[in-house]
Protein backbone atom coordinates (compact mmCIF):
# COMPACT_ATOMS: atom_id res chain seq x y z
CA MET A 1 -68.01 112.60 -124.75
CA THR A 2 -67.39 110.04 -122.06
CA ARG A 3 -64.46 108.61 -123.94
CA LEU A 4 -62.70 112.01 -124.17
CA ARG A 5 -63.02 112.62 -120.44
CA ASN A 6 -61.45 109.25 -119.66
CA GLN A 7 -58.56 109.93 -122.02
CA LYS A 8 -57.88 113.33 -120.44
CA GLY A 9 -57.64 111.69 -117.06
CA ALA A 10 -55.31 109.03 -118.42
CA ALA A 11 -53.00 111.66 -119.93
CA LEU A 12 -52.90 113.53 -116.63
CA LEU A 13 -52.08 110.33 -114.77
CA GLU A 14 -49.31 109.40 -117.25
CA THR A 15 -47.81 112.88 -116.88
CA ALA A 16 -47.94 112.65 -113.10
CA ILE A 17 -46.05 109.34 -113.24
CA THR A 18 -43.43 110.21 -115.87
CA LEU A 19 -42.60 113.84 -114.97
CA PRO A 20 -40.79 113.00 -111.69
CA LEU A 21 -38.77 110.33 -113.49
CA VAL A 22 -37.75 112.72 -116.27
CA LEU A 23 -36.77 115.37 -113.70
CA LEU A 24 -34.74 112.79 -111.77
CA VAL A 25 -32.84 111.84 -114.93
CA CYS A 26 -32.15 115.52 -115.75
CA VAL A 27 -30.91 116.29 -112.24
CA SER A 28 -28.81 113.12 -112.25
CA ILE A 29 -27.05 114.24 -115.42
CA PHE A 30 -26.08 117.53 -113.78
CA GLU A 31 -25.03 115.93 -110.49
CA PHE A 32 -22.85 113.23 -112.05
CA GLY A 33 -21.35 115.81 -114.40
CA ARG A 34 -20.32 117.85 -111.36
CA ALA A 35 -18.92 114.72 -109.70
CA TYR A 36 -16.91 113.87 -112.82
CA GLN A 37 -15.53 117.42 -112.99
CA THR A 38 -14.49 117.17 -109.33
CA TRP A 39 -12.78 113.83 -109.96
CA GLN A 40 -10.89 115.32 -112.92
CA VAL A 41 -9.62 118.20 -110.75
CA LEU A 42 -8.46 115.71 -108.09
CA THR A 43 -6.69 113.56 -110.68
CA ASN A 44 -4.85 116.55 -112.11
CA ALA A 45 -4.00 117.82 -108.62
CA ALA A 46 -2.45 114.43 -107.76
CA ARG A 47 -0.43 114.57 -111.00
CA GLU A 48 0.81 118.07 -110.18
CA GLY A 49 1.84 116.87 -106.74
CA ALA A 50 3.65 113.86 -108.23
CA ARG A 51 5.50 116.14 -110.66
CA VAL A 52 6.80 118.17 -107.75
CA ALA A 53 7.52 115.02 -105.69
CA ILE A 54 9.89 113.48 -108.25
CA ILE A 55 12.29 116.39 -107.90
CA SER A 56 14.85 115.34 -105.31
CA SER A 57 15.16 118.82 -103.74
CA SER A 58 11.42 119.27 -103.14
CA THR A 59 9.81 119.08 -99.70
CA ASP A 60 6.47 117.67 -98.58
CA ALA A 61 5.27 121.21 -97.94
CA GLN A 62 5.95 122.13 -101.57
CA ILE A 63 4.04 119.07 -102.76
CA ARG A 64 1.05 119.91 -100.55
CA THR A 65 1.15 123.52 -101.75
CA ALA A 66 1.12 122.41 -105.41
CA VAL A 67 -1.85 120.10 -104.82
CA ASN A 68 -3.79 122.68 -102.79
CA ASN A 69 -3.11 125.38 -105.40
CA TYR A 70 -4.51 123.16 -108.14
CA ILE A 71 -7.58 122.29 -106.06
CA THR A 72 -8.13 125.99 -105.34
CA SER A 73 -7.79 126.92 -109.00
CA GLY A 74 -10.29 124.14 -109.78
CA GLN A 75 -12.72 125.97 -107.48
CA LEU A 76 -13.33 123.06 -105.14
CA PRO A 77 -14.48 124.16 -101.68
CA GLY A 78 -13.02 122.66 -98.55
CA THR A 79 -9.78 120.83 -98.03
CA ALA A 80 -8.39 117.59 -99.35
CA SER A 81 -6.35 114.96 -97.54
CA ILE A 82 -2.94 114.43 -99.18
CA ALA A 83 -0.74 111.35 -98.66
CA ILE A 84 2.84 111.34 -99.98
CA ASN A 85 5.10 108.31 -100.42
CA ARG A 86 8.46 108.87 -102.14
CA THR A 87 9.90 105.35 -101.89
CA VAL A 88 7.56 103.17 -103.94
CA PRO A 89 9.51 100.40 -105.74
CA PHE A 90 9.45 100.98 -109.48
CA GLY A 91 11.19 98.44 -111.68
CA ALA A 92 14.40 96.67 -110.76
CA SER A 93 16.46 99.53 -109.37
CA ASN A 94 14.26 102.64 -109.41
CA THR A 95 11.84 104.21 -106.99
CA ALA A 96 8.76 106.32 -107.61
CA SER A 97 6.79 108.97 -105.78
CA GLN A 98 3.12 108.41 -105.11
CA VAL A 99 0.70 111.21 -104.25
CA THR A 100 -2.82 110.31 -103.14
CA VAL A 101 -5.52 112.97 -102.84
CA SER A 102 -8.78 112.24 -100.97
CA TYR A 103 -11.68 114.68 -101.11
CA PRO A 104 -15.15 114.51 -99.52
CA PHE A 105 -17.84 115.04 -102.17
CA ASN A 106 -21.49 115.79 -101.45
CA PHE A 107 -24.25 115.47 -103.98
CA MET A 108 -26.54 118.50 -103.79
CA VAL A 109 -29.93 117.17 -104.88
CA LEU A 110 -29.35 113.43 -105.06
CA ASN A 111 -27.97 113.12 -101.52
CA PRO A 112 -30.94 111.08 -100.20
CA VAL A 113 -30.76 108.74 -103.20
CA ILE A 114 -27.00 108.26 -102.81
CA ARG A 115 -27.47 107.43 -99.12
CA LEU A 116 -29.82 104.60 -100.12
CA VAL A 117 -27.39 103.21 -102.71
CA GLN A 118 -24.06 103.70 -100.94
CA ALA A 119 -23.26 101.07 -98.34
CA GLY A 120 -22.79 102.28 -94.78
CA SER A 121 -24.08 105.81 -95.33
CA ALA A 122 -27.75 105.34 -94.43
CA THR A 123 -27.26 107.10 -91.12
CA GLY A 124 -24.51 109.48 -92.20
CA GLN A 125 -24.35 112.64 -94.28
CA GLY A 126 -24.16 110.83 -97.61
CA THR A 127 -20.61 112.05 -98.22
CA THR A 128 -18.69 110.17 -100.88
CA THR A 129 -14.89 110.20 -100.60
CA MET A 130 -13.21 110.58 -103.97
CA VAL A 131 -9.64 109.29 -104.15
CA SER A 132 -7.10 109.87 -106.89
CA THR A 133 -3.52 108.59 -106.99
CA ALA A 134 -0.59 109.55 -109.22
CA LEU A 135 2.66 107.60 -109.47
CA MET A 136 5.80 108.95 -111.20
CA ARG A 137 9.36 107.63 -111.34
CA ASN A 138 11.86 109.61 -109.27
CA GLU A 139 14.76 111.41 -110.87
CA SER A 140 18.02 109.50 -110.52
């Protein structure tokens, strides 16, 4: 009888130790999946902007509109910062257009953990800036 009581207490203690770790792993899978999906939307938005940028008759406003439309269709809240450079050297005699999209990403549940890991964000909001760049050769 005494042995069974001790084993029940040990099982309860093992559950109390392992359950938070299992929950942390499960939540981490969801959070990093959401971060990866956000990064994919930003990458594709930068590519869409670069596709518009290589056309010689396009304007910066059209490029920003293309990027913002893709971000909106990707259902990302908020706004992204868009940098456009149309004169990047590309090869011996060509130039390329470069579109860089920066987006502030917040983890929902893991925000306190990310603040501990990420340098310089211990006092801040724990916002991670995701950056994606696309480079395409300009039309001649």
